[in-house]
Amino acid sequence: MDEEYDVIVLGTGLKECILSGLLSVDGLKVLHMDKNDYYGGESSSLNLIQLWKRFRGEEQPPENLGASREYNVDMIPKFMMANGTLVRVLIHANVTKYLNFKAVDGSFVYNKGKIHKVPATDVEALKSPLMGLFEKRRARKFFVFVQDFNESDPKTHHGMDLSTITARQLISKYELEDDTIDFIGHALALHFSDEYLDKPALTFVKRMKLYAESLARFQSGSPYIYPMYGLGELPQAFARLSAVYGGTYMLNKPDCKVEYEDGVVVGVTSEGETAKCKKVVCDPSYLPDKAEKVGKVARAVIIMSHPIPDTHESHSAQVIIPQKQLGRKSDMYLFCCSYYHNVAPKGKYIAFVLTEAETDDPEAELKPGVDILGPVDEIFYETYDRYKPTNDCDSDHCYISMSYDPSTHFESTVEDVLSMYNKITGKVIDLSVDLSAASAGEQ
């Protein structure tokens, strides 16, 4: 390998594949390697045989579950906000032509032992059983303020500077009850802890607006879309993009070792050959000495023969259980997809229960979420550690992604990608795109 590359990307997780695609489009010479023999890294989608091998070793899956190839079980299950940053990146990179999306049926919140549809507009707030009559009126006023708010039009600010007042101060002006604040902050603004309350209100309001605008996009009952055949399609779409622009891919490359001179990256060695490069992009598993553990995710992967109860028979749905409902520090998420998105055979549903782990016992910790699902065919429990980089990428030229958090949408994932892209290239991607280029129609 005498060639020199601008960038070597290690691992084919979603973040790494987006970056290799974007960097190839920019004209950089990219080599992409993975120790695995499949695309997707941590964010791959597994068929039934691969799923059994991962969780049950050599045991064969039971025949009554159907054909292995009809399953695409995401290892990092997340939905996409219809107007969110990931959709904008897909359109910017023109990879939507490789993907088909369908809208997700429902978005729900768990409150006092019951599942409710998430109200996202002033009209829905007035109908929601989550609130009493007077609370509905107060909530409606708040929703109208958010809907009308325009950052560049001071008349819509009601005399408040949202970049200086906190979310807590903004909410207090509308005298909303704790339960209402709970579902607005966690099920609409999609914050996974209460830390947002003491941060500037602008981010909180923007996140609520993103939810409402995404919801209005396809009129489907949720603000989310999801690719047919699972999320494993996303890394492959960006890999195709990279290849079109001259990127080189090598799977099944064991023991990728990053080489340095004077503390700066000069190449990567695998199987006795070294490829030279100026920069390395990778997930934390390739450079564990340059990352630190920041948390742990507990999850259950579930196969069942029915939708999540009380979600109006939704083929695909998300249920958020805000932390306070369980006496926890972080929210719990239920995620469900089915044959409707071609991720399981007809009549089968794939569900996940995820949370930021607060104990070493995922089974006990996830029980409140698993109990909501009703009877299940199969269930697998797992925890994985979350890492973030500790190195100075300006001095060693190693650009390391953060591990995936348990949130059920891609906004934090893409923030990390865009920040890495900026550090690698010094440029900012223009994401003012025509959103109609990603449609989520009936297949």
Protein backbone atom coordinates (compact mmCIF):
# COMPACT_ATOMS: atom_id res chain seq x y z
CA MET A 1 0.00 0.00 0.00
CA ASP A 2 2.24 2.80 -1.25
CA GLU A 3 -0.55 5.27 -1.82
CA GLU A 4 -1.08 8.10 0.61
CA TYR A 5 -4.62 8.99 1.65
CA ASP A 6 -5.95 12.26 2.98
CA VAL A 7 -8.10 10.37 5.48
CA ILE A 8 -8.35 6.77 6.66
CA VAL A 9 -11.69 5.98 8.29
CA LEU A 10 -11.79 3.00 10.69
CA GLY A 11 -15.15 1.34 11.37
CA THR A 12 -18.29 1.46 9.22
CA GLY A 13 -20.69 2.73 11.87
CA LEU A 14 -23.21 5.35 10.77
CA LYS A 15 -21.10 8.32 11.93
CA GLU A 16 -17.98 7.04 10.19
CA CYS A 17 -19.86 6.27 6.95
CA ILE A 18 -21.50 9.72 6.85
CA LEU A 19 -18.06 11.30 7.26
CA SER A 20 -16.37 9.15 4.61
CA GLY A 21 -19.19 10.04 2.20
CA LEU A 22 -19.02 13.79 2.90
CA LEU A 23 -15.20 13.87 2.76
CA SER A 24 -15.15 11.94 -0.54
CA VAL A 25 -17.63 14.40 -2.04
CA ASP A 26 -15.26 17.18 -0.92
CA GLY A 27 -12.58 15.60 -3.12
CA LEU A 28 -10.47 14.08 -0.33
CA LYS A 29 -8.85 10.72 -0.96
CA VAL A 30 -10.50 8.34 1.53
CA LEU A 31 -9.70 4.74 2.54
CA HIS A 32 -12.35 3.11 4.72
CA MET A 33 -11.49 -0.04 6.70
CA ASP A 34 -13.45 -2.21 9.15
CA LYS A 35 -12.36 -5.14 11.31
CA ASN A 36 -15.81 -6.71 10.74
CA ASP A 37 -16.94 -8.43 7.54
CA TYR A 38 -20.19 -6.42 7.42
CA TYR A 39 -21.14 -2.74 7.24
CA GLY A 40 -22.53 -0.76 10.14
CA GLY A 41 -20.21 -1.46 13.10
CA GLU A 42 -22.19 -0.75 16.27
CA SER A 43 -25.08 0.59 14.18
CA SER A 44 -25.58 -2.50 11.99
CA SER A 45 -28.87 -4.31 11.41
CA LEU A 46 -28.73 -8.08 12.06
CA ASN A 47 -30.69 -10.95 10.55
CA LEU A 48 -32.09 -13.61 12.86
CA ILE A 49 -29.09 -15.94 12.65
CA GLN A 50 -26.66 -13.06 13.34
CA LEU A 51 -28.87 -11.93 16.25
CA TRP A 52 -28.83 -15.43 17.80
CA LYS A 53 -25.08 -15.74 17.31
CA ARG A 54 -24.53 -12.42 19.08
CA PHE A 55 -26.76 -13.16 22.09
CA ARG A 56 -27.01 -16.96 22.26
CA GLY A 57 -23.78 -18.25 20.74
CA GLU A 58 -24.11 -21.27 18.47
CA GLU A 59 -27.77 -21.97 19.23
CA GLN A 60 -30.13 -21.89 16.22
CA PRO A 61 -33.19 -19.59 16.24
CA PRO A 62 -36.57 -21.36 16.56
CA GLU A 63 -38.28 -22.04 13.23
CA ASN A 64 -41.59 -20.50 14.29
CA LEU A 65 -40.02 -17.02 14.10
CA GLY A 66 -39.81 -17.23 10.29
CA ALA A 67 -36.98 -16.76 7.80
CA SER A 68 -33.73 -15.28 9.11
CA ARG A 69 -33.26 -13.01 6.08
CA GLU A 70 -36.61 -11.30 6.70
CA TYR A 71 -35.23 -9.77 9.91
CA ASN A 72 -33.25 -6.53 10.05
CA VAL A 73 -32.79 -5.86 13.77
CA ASP A 74 -31.06 -2.53 14.48
CA MET A 75 -28.39 -2.59 17.14
CA ILE A 76 -28.70 1.18 17.71
CA PRO A 77 -32.44 1.68 17.23
CA LYS A 78 -33.38 5.29 16.48
CA PHE A 79 -36.00 7.11 14.44
CA MET A 80 -35.31 10.17 12.28
CA MET A 81 -37.07 13.50 12.81
CA ALA A 82 -38.81 14.22 9.49
CA ASN A 83 -37.33 17.76 9.40
CA GLY A 84 -34.29 16.85 11.48
CA THR A 85 -30.58 17.28 10.88
CA LEU A 86 -29.97 13.73 9.62
CA VAL A 87 -32.61 14.14 6.90
CA ARG A 88 -30.95 17.43 5.90
CA VAL A 89 -27.54 15.70 5.71
CA LEU A 90 -29.02 12.86 3.60
CA ILE A 91 -30.48 15.41 1.16
CA HIS A 92 -27.32 17.54 1.15
CA ALA A 93 -25.28 14.44 0.25
CA ASN A 94 -27.90 13.24 -2.26
CA VAL A 95 -28.07 9.74 -0.74
CA THR A 96 -31.87 9.80 -0.49
CA LYS A 97 -31.90 8.15 -3.93
CA TYR A 98 -30.51 4.97 -2.32
CA LEU A 99 -33.13 4.91 0.46
CA ASN A 100 -36.88 4.49 0.91
CA PHE A 101 -38.58 5.84 4.03
CA LYS A 102 -41.94 5.36 5.63
CA ALA A 103 -43.45 7.56 8.29
CA VAL A 104 -43.66 6.14 11.83
CA ASP A 105 -47.26 5.66 13.03
CA GLY A 106 -47.26 6.99 16.56
CA SER A 107 -45.48 9.01 19.23
CA PHE A 108 -46.60 8.40 22.81
CA VAL A 109 -45.76 9.32 26.38
CA TYR A 110 -46.24 7.28 29.56
CA ASN A 111 -47.93 9.15 32.39
CA LYS A 112 -49.30 7.80 35.68
CA GLY A 113 -49.44 4.20 34.45
CA LYS A 114 -51.06 4.97 31.09
CA ILE A 115 -49.87 5.55 27.52
CA HIS A 116 -51.06 8.77 25.83
CA LYS A 117 -50.50 10.25 22.38
CA VAL A 118 -48.06 13.18 22.59
CA PRO A 119 -49.92 16.45 21.95
CA ALA A 120 -47.73 18.69 19.80
CA THR A 121 -49.94 21.64 18.81
CA ASP A 122 -52.36 24.00 20.51
CA VAL A 123 -55.27 22.04 18.95
CA GLU A 124 -54.00 18.68 20.24
CA ALA A 125 -53.26 20.16 23.66
CA LEU A 126 -56.95 21.04 24.05
CA LYS A 127 -57.97 17.44 23.30
CA SER A 128 -55.33 15.63 25.37
CA PRO A 129 -56.44 13.60 28.42
CA LEU A 130 -52.99 14.37 29.91
CA MET A 131 -54.24 17.68 31.30
CA GLY A 132 -57.24 19.10 33.12
CA LEU A 133 -59.32 21.91 31.64
CA PHE A 134 -57.48 24.93 33.11
CA GLU A 135 -54.10 23.36 32.45
CA LYS A 136 -55.11 22.83 28.81
CA ARG A 137 -55.75 26.56 28.43
CA ARG A 138 -52.37 27.45 29.93
CA ALA A 139 -50.64 24.82 27.77
CA ARG A 140 -52.43 26.11 24.68
CA LYS A 141 -51.06 29.62 25.30
CA PHE A 142 -47.57 28.19 25.64
CA PHE A 143 -47.91 26.12 22.43
CA VAL A 144 -49.15 29.18 20.53
CA PHE A 145 -46.11 31.17 21.75
CA VAL A 146 -43.78 28.39 20.54
CA GLN A 147 -45.55 28.01 17.17
CA ASP A 148 -45.43 31.78 16.52
CA PHE A 149 -41.84 32.24 17.79
CA ASN A 150 -39.44 33.37 15.10
CA GLU A 151 -35.83 33.97 16.12
CA SER A 152 -35.40 36.84 13.64
CA ASP A 153 -38.69 38.61 14.50
CA PRO A 154 -38.51 40.35 17.92
CA LYS A 155 -42.30 40.93 17.89
CA THR A 156 -42.75 37.19 18.50
CA HIS A 157 -40.42 37.17 21.54
CA HIS A 158 -42.94 38.77 23.95
CA GLY A 159 -40.16 40.92 25.39
CA MET A 160 -38.02 37.92 26.39
CA ASP A 161 -34.48 37.11 25.31
CA LEU A 162 -34.52 33.33 24.99
CA SER A 163 -30.74 33.16 24.74
CA THR A 164 -30.40 34.52 28.29
CA ILE A 165 -33.47 33.28 30.19
CA THR A 166 -33.62 29.60 31.09
CA ALA A 167 -36.24 27.09 29.98
CA ARG A 168 -37.42 26.99 33.60
CA GLN A 169 -37.97 30.77 33.64
CA LEU A 170 -39.86 30.67 30.34
CA ILE A 171 -42.14 27.83 31.48
CA SER A 172 -42.84 29.55 34.82
CA LYS A 173 -44.43 32.49 32.94
CA TYR A 174 -47.16 30.06 31.78
CA GLU A 175 -47.61 28.47 35.25
CA LEU A 176 -47.61 24.93 33.85
CA GLU A 177 -47.89 21.93 36.20
CA ASP A 178 -44.98 19.53 36.76
CA ASP A 179 -46.59 16.69 34.77
CA THR A 180 -47.12 19.01 31.79
CA ILE A 181 -43.53 20.25 31.96
CA ASP A 182 -42.44 16.61 32.13
CA PHE A 183 -44.04 15.57 28.86
CA ILE A 184 -43.23 18.85 27.05
CA GLY A 185 -39.54 18.63 28.01
CA HIS A 186 -39.10 14.90 27.43
CA ALA A 187 -41.67 13.82 24.84
CA LEU A 188 -41.74 16.98 22.69
CA ALA A 189 -38.38 18.72 23.14
CA LEU A 190 -36.89 15.21 23.54
CA HIS A 191 -34.42 16.06 26.32
CA PHE A 192 -33.43 12.88 28.15
CA SER A 193 -32.83 14.48 31.55
CA ASP A 194 -34.00 17.64 33.35
CA GLU A 195 -30.69 19.47 32.86
CA TYR A 196 -32.25 21.49 30.01
CA LEU A 197 -34.42 23.41 32.52
CA ASP A 198 -31.45 25.48 33.67
CA LYS A 199 -30.03 26.11 30.19
CA PRO A 200 -31.06 28.86 27.72
CA ALA A 201 -34.68 28.54 26.63
CA LEU A 202 -33.84 29.04 22.94
CA THR A 203 -32.66 25.44 22.40
CA PHE A 204 -35.73 24.08 24.20
CA VAL A 205 -38.11 26.15 22.02
CA LYS A 206 -36.24 25.22 18.82
CA ARG A 207 -36.53 21.53 19.71
CA MET A 208 -40.27 21.89 20.27
CA LYS A 209 -40.63 23.65 16.92
CA LEU A 210 -38.64 20.89 15.18
CA TYR A 211 -41.04 18.31 16.65
CA ALA A 212 -44.15 20.22 15.54
CA GLU A 213 -42.77 20.93 12.04
CA SER A 214 -41.69 17.29 11.63
CA LEU A 215 -45.12 16.14 12.77
CA ALA A 216 -46.85 18.39 10.23
CA ARG A 217 -44.67 17.06 7.42
CA PHE A 218 -46.35 13.70 6.74
CA GLN A 219 -49.48 13.97 8.90
CA SER A 220 -48.83 10.45 10.18
CA GLY A 221 -49.29 10.77 13.93
CA SER A 222 -45.58 11.04 14.68
CA PRO A 223 -42.72 13.36 13.70
CA TYR A 224 -40.50 10.41 12.77
CA ILE A 225 -39.54 8.58 9.60
CA TYR A 226 -37.59 5.33 9.32
CA PRO A 227 -35.89 3.58 6.39
CA MET A 228 -37.34 0.44 4.82
CA TYR A 229 -35.18 -2.61 5.76
CA GLY A 230 -33.80 -0.93 8.87
CA LEU A 231 -31.04 1.48 9.76
CA GLY A 232 -28.30 -0.76 8.33
CA GLU A 233 -29.29 0.83 4.99
CA LEU A 234 -27.94 4.23 6.09
CA PRO A 235 -24.21 3.39 6.45
CA GLN A 236 -24.39 1.46 3.17
CA ALA A 237 -25.94 4.44 1.38
CA PHE A 238 -23.06 6.69 2.49
CA ALA A 239 -20.55 3.95 1.61
CA ARG A 240 -21.98 3.92 -1.94
CA LEU A 241 -21.68 7.70 -2.06
CA SER A 242 -18.02 7.53 -0.98
CA ALA A 243 -17.31 4.86 -3.63
CA VAL A 244 -18.92 6.98 -6.37
CA TYR A 245 -16.49 9.78 -5.45
CA GLY A 246 -13.44 7.50 -5.44
CA GLY A 247 -13.42 6.27 -1.84
CA THR A 248 -11.92 2.79 -1.26
CA TYR A 249 -13.52 0.22 1.06
CA MET A 250 -11.87 -2.75 2.79
CA LEU A 251 -13.93 -4.94 5.13
CA ASN A 252 -12.63 -7.79 7.28
CA LYS A 253 -9.34 -6.02 8.07
CA PRO A 254 -8.27 -7.31 11.52
CA ASP A 255 -5.97 -5.54 13.97
CA CYS A 256 -6.00 -2.06 12.39
CA LYS A 257 -3.13 -0.32 14.18
CA VAL A 258 -2.76 3.46 13.97
CA GLU A 259 0.85 4.52 13.37
CA TYR A 260 2.36 7.78 14.68
CA GLU A 261 5.49 9.88 14.21
CA ASP A 262 6.16 12.46 16.94
CA GLY A 263 2.63 11.91 18.23
CA VAL A 264 0.97 12.67 14.86
CA VAL A 265 -0.86 10.09 12.74
CA VAL A 266 1.06 8.88 9.68
CA GLY A 267 -0.84 5.72 8.70
CA VAL A 268 -2.68 2.53 9.60
CA THR A 269 -1.22 -0.99 9.55
CA SER A 270 -3.28 -4.13 8.99
CA GLU A 271 -2.05 -7.62 8.07
CA GLY A 272 1.54 -6.42 7.73
CA GLU A 273 0.77 -3.60 5.27
CA THR A 274 0.72 0.11 6.12
CA ALA A 275 -1.42 2.68 4.35
CA LYS A 276 -0.14 6.24 4.80
CA CYS A 277 -2.52 9.06 5.69
CA LYS A 278 -2.73 12.59 7.06
CA LYS A 279 -5.78 12.04 9.32
CA VAL A 280 -7.64 9.15 10.94
CA VAL A 281 -11.37 9.10 11.68
CA CYS A 282 -12.67 6.26 13.89
CA ASP A 283 -15.03 5.11 16.60
CA PRO A 284 -13.65 4.78 20.17
CA SER A 285 -13.09 0.99 19.85
CA TYR A 286 -10.13 1.58 17.51
CA LEU A 287 -8.30 4.00 19.86
CA PRO A 288 -9.43 3.06 23.38
CA ASP A 289 -6.45 4.85 24.98
CA LYS A 290 -7.74 8.17 23.58
CA ALA A 291 -11.29 7.85 24.98
CA GLU A 292 -12.93 7.72 28.40
CA LYS A 293 -16.06 5.99 29.62
CA VAL A 294 -18.91 8.46 30.24
CA GLY A 295 -21.85 6.15 30.82
CA LYS A 296 -23.55 2.90 30.02
CA VAL A 297 -26.69 2.03 28.05
CA ALA A 298 -28.97 -0.84 29.09
CA ARG A 299 -31.23 -2.29 26.45
CA ALA A 300 -33.60 -5.15 25.78
CA VAL A 301 -34.11 -6.44 22.22
CA ILE A 302 -37.51 -8.08 21.84
CA ILE A 303 -39.36 -10.08 19.20
CA MET A 304 -43.14 -10.17 19.66
CA SER A 305 -46.30 -10.94 17.69
CA HIS A 306 -48.32 -7.80 18.44
CA PRO A 307 -47.89 -4.01 18.56
CA ILE A 308 -47.16 -2.19 21.83
CA PRO A 309 -50.49 -2.22 23.75
CA ASP A 310 -52.46 1.06 23.87
CA THR A 311 -50.63 2.57 20.87
CA HIS A 312 -53.71 2.39 18.60
CA GLU A 313 -52.38 -0.77 16.87
CA SER A 314 -49.35 1.17 15.56
CA HIS A 315 -47.04 -0.86 13.31
CA SER A 316 -44.24 1.46 14.37
CA ALA A 317 -44.18 3.64 17.44
CA GLN A 318 -42.16 5.29 20.15
CA VAL A 319 -43.17 5.54 23.79
CA ILE A 320 -41.18 7.82 26.08
CA ILE A 321 -41.30 7.17 29.82
CA PRO A 322 -40.07 10.38 31.48
CA GLN A 323 -37.58 9.83 34.32
CA LYS A 324 -39.92 11.15 37.03
CA GLN A 325 -42.58 8.54 36.18
CA LEU A 326 -40.08 5.87 37.27
CA GLY A 327 -38.13 7.75 39.93
CA ARG A 328 -34.99 7.68 37.75
CA LYS A 329 -32.37 10.18 36.62
CA SER A 330 -32.87 9.48 32.91
CA ASP A 331 -35.77 8.63 30.60
CA MET A 332 -36.65 5.17 29.32
CA TYR A 333 -37.58 4.64 25.69
CA LEU A 334 -39.74 2.02 23.98
CA PHE A 335 -39.18 1.66 20.27
CA CYS A 336 -41.18 -0.63 17.99
CA CYS A 337 -41.01 -1.49 14.29
CA SER A 338 -42.46 -4.35 12.26
CA TYR A 339 -42.98 -6.04 8.92
CA TYR A 340 -44.49 -2.70 7.85
CA HIS A 341 -40.93 -1.35 7.50
CA ASN A 342 -39.57 -4.72 6.25
CA VAL A 343 -37.57 -5.42 9.42
CA ALA A 344 -39.44 -8.63 10.37
CA PRO A 345 -41.71 -11.24 8.72
CA LYS A 346 -45.43 -10.50 8.49
CA GLY A 347 -47.08 -10.47 11.90
CA LYS A 348 -43.83 -9.98 13.82
CA TYR A 349 -42.74 -6.85 15.68
CA ILE A 350 -39.26 -5.85 16.84
CA ALA A 351 -39.27 -3.80 20.04
CA PHE A 352 -36.52 -2.27 22.16
CA VAL A 353 -36.44 -0.87 25.65
CA LEU A 354 -33.47 1.46 26.26
CA THR A 355 -32.18 3.71 28.99
CA GLU A 356 -28.99 5.18 30.39
CA ALA A 357 -28.00 2.43 32.85
CA GLU A 358 -28.04 3.44 36.51
CA THR A 359 -27.35 -0.08 37.90
CA ASP A 360 -25.54 -3.26 36.81
CA ASP A 361 -28.78 -5.22 36.42
CA PRO A 362 -30.36 -4.41 33.02
CA GLU A 363 -33.16 -6.94 33.49
CA ALA A 364 -34.43 -5.33 36.71
CA GLU A 365 -33.79 -1.81 35.46
CA LEU A 366 -35.68 -2.27 32.18
CA LYS A 367 -38.59 -4.19 33.75
CA PRO A 368 -41.01 -1.21 33.86
CA GLY A 369 -40.60 -0.74 30.10
CA VAL A 370 -40.67 -4.47 29.25
CA ASP A 371 -43.84 -4.95 31.34
CA ILE A 372 -45.68 -2.42 29.16
CA LEU A 373 -45.06 -4.58 26.07
CA GLY A 374 -47.20 -7.52 27.15
CA PRO A 375 -46.29 -11.10 26.11
CA VAL A 376 -43.07 -11.49 24.11
CA ASP A 377 -41.71 -14.29 21.88
CA GLU A 378 -38.02 -13.69 22.66
CA ILE A 379 -36.04 -11.17 24.71
CA PHE A 380 -32.32 -10.40 24.90
CA TYR A 381 -30.66 -8.10 27.46
CA GLU A 382 -27.42 -6.23 27.01
CA THR A 383 -25.45 -3.23 28.26
CA TYR A 384 -22.76 -1.31 26.41
CA ASP A 385 -20.38 1.37 27.63
CA ARG A 386 -20.46 4.86 26.16
CA TYR A 387 -17.17 6.61 25.42
CA LYS A 388 -16.11 10.09 24.39
CA PRO A 389 -12.72 11.15 23.00
CA THR A 390 -10.13 12.71 25.32
CA ASN A 391 -7.42 13.52 22.77
CA ASP A 392 -6.53 16.84 21.15
CA CYS A 393 -7.40 16.16 17.50
CA ASP A 394 -5.60 19.33 16.34
CA SER A 395 -2.27 17.94 17.52
CA ASP A 396 -2.53 14.17 16.79
CA HIS A 397 -4.96 14.33 13.78
CA CYS A 398 -7.15 11.55 15.24
CA TYR A 399 -10.86 12.35 14.99
CA ILE A 400 -12.85 10.03 17.27
CA SER A 401 -16.64 9.83 17.40
CA MET A 402 -18.68 9.59 20.60
CA SER A 403 -20.56 6.37 21.38
CA TYR A 404 -24.29 6.35 20.64
CA ASP A 405 -26.57 7.54 23.45
CA PRO A 406 -29.90 5.83 24.26
CA SER A 407 -32.06 8.63 22.78
CA THR A 408 -34.51 7.43 20.14
CA HIS A 409 -33.72 10.00 17.47
CA PHE A 410 -30.58 11.01 15.56
CA GLU A 411 -30.15 14.68 16.48
CA SER A 412 -27.25 14.15 18.95
CA THR A 413 -25.63 11.63 16.56
CA VAL A 414 -25.55 14.14 13.71
CA GLU A 415 -24.38 17.01 15.94
CA ASP A 416 -21.30 14.88 16.66
CA VAL A 417 -20.77 14.17 12.93
CA LEU A 418 -21.08 17.85 11.95
CA SER A 419 -18.70 18.89 14.73
CA MET A 420 -16.14 16.27 13.56
CA TYR A 421 -16.55 17.38 9.92
CA ASN A 422 -15.86 20.97 10.96
CA LYS A 423 -12.71 19.93 12.88
CA ILE A 424 -11.43 17.78 9.97
CA THR A 425 -12.09 20.28 7.14
CA GLY A 426 -12.51 23.65 8.86
CA LYS A 427 -15.80 23.99 6.94
CA VAL A 428 -19.46 24.11 7.97
CA ILE A 429 -22.03 22.19 5.91
CA ASP A 430 -24.89 24.28 4.55
CA LEU A 431 -28.01 22.38 5.61
CA SER A 432 -30.57 24.81 4.15
CA VAL A 433 -31.87 22.14 1.77
CA ASP A 434 -35.18 21.40 0.05
CA LEU A 435 -36.73 18.99 2.53
CA SER A 436 -39.20 17.66 -0.03
CA ALA A 437 -36.31 15.66 -1.54
CA ALA A 438 -36.84 13.04 1.21
CA SER A 439 -40.34 11.69 1.00
CA ALA A 440 -41.83 8.97 3.19
CA GLY A 441 -44.60 7.65 1.01
CA GLU A 442 -46.47 4.39 0.87
CA GLN A 443 -44.39 1.65 -0.70
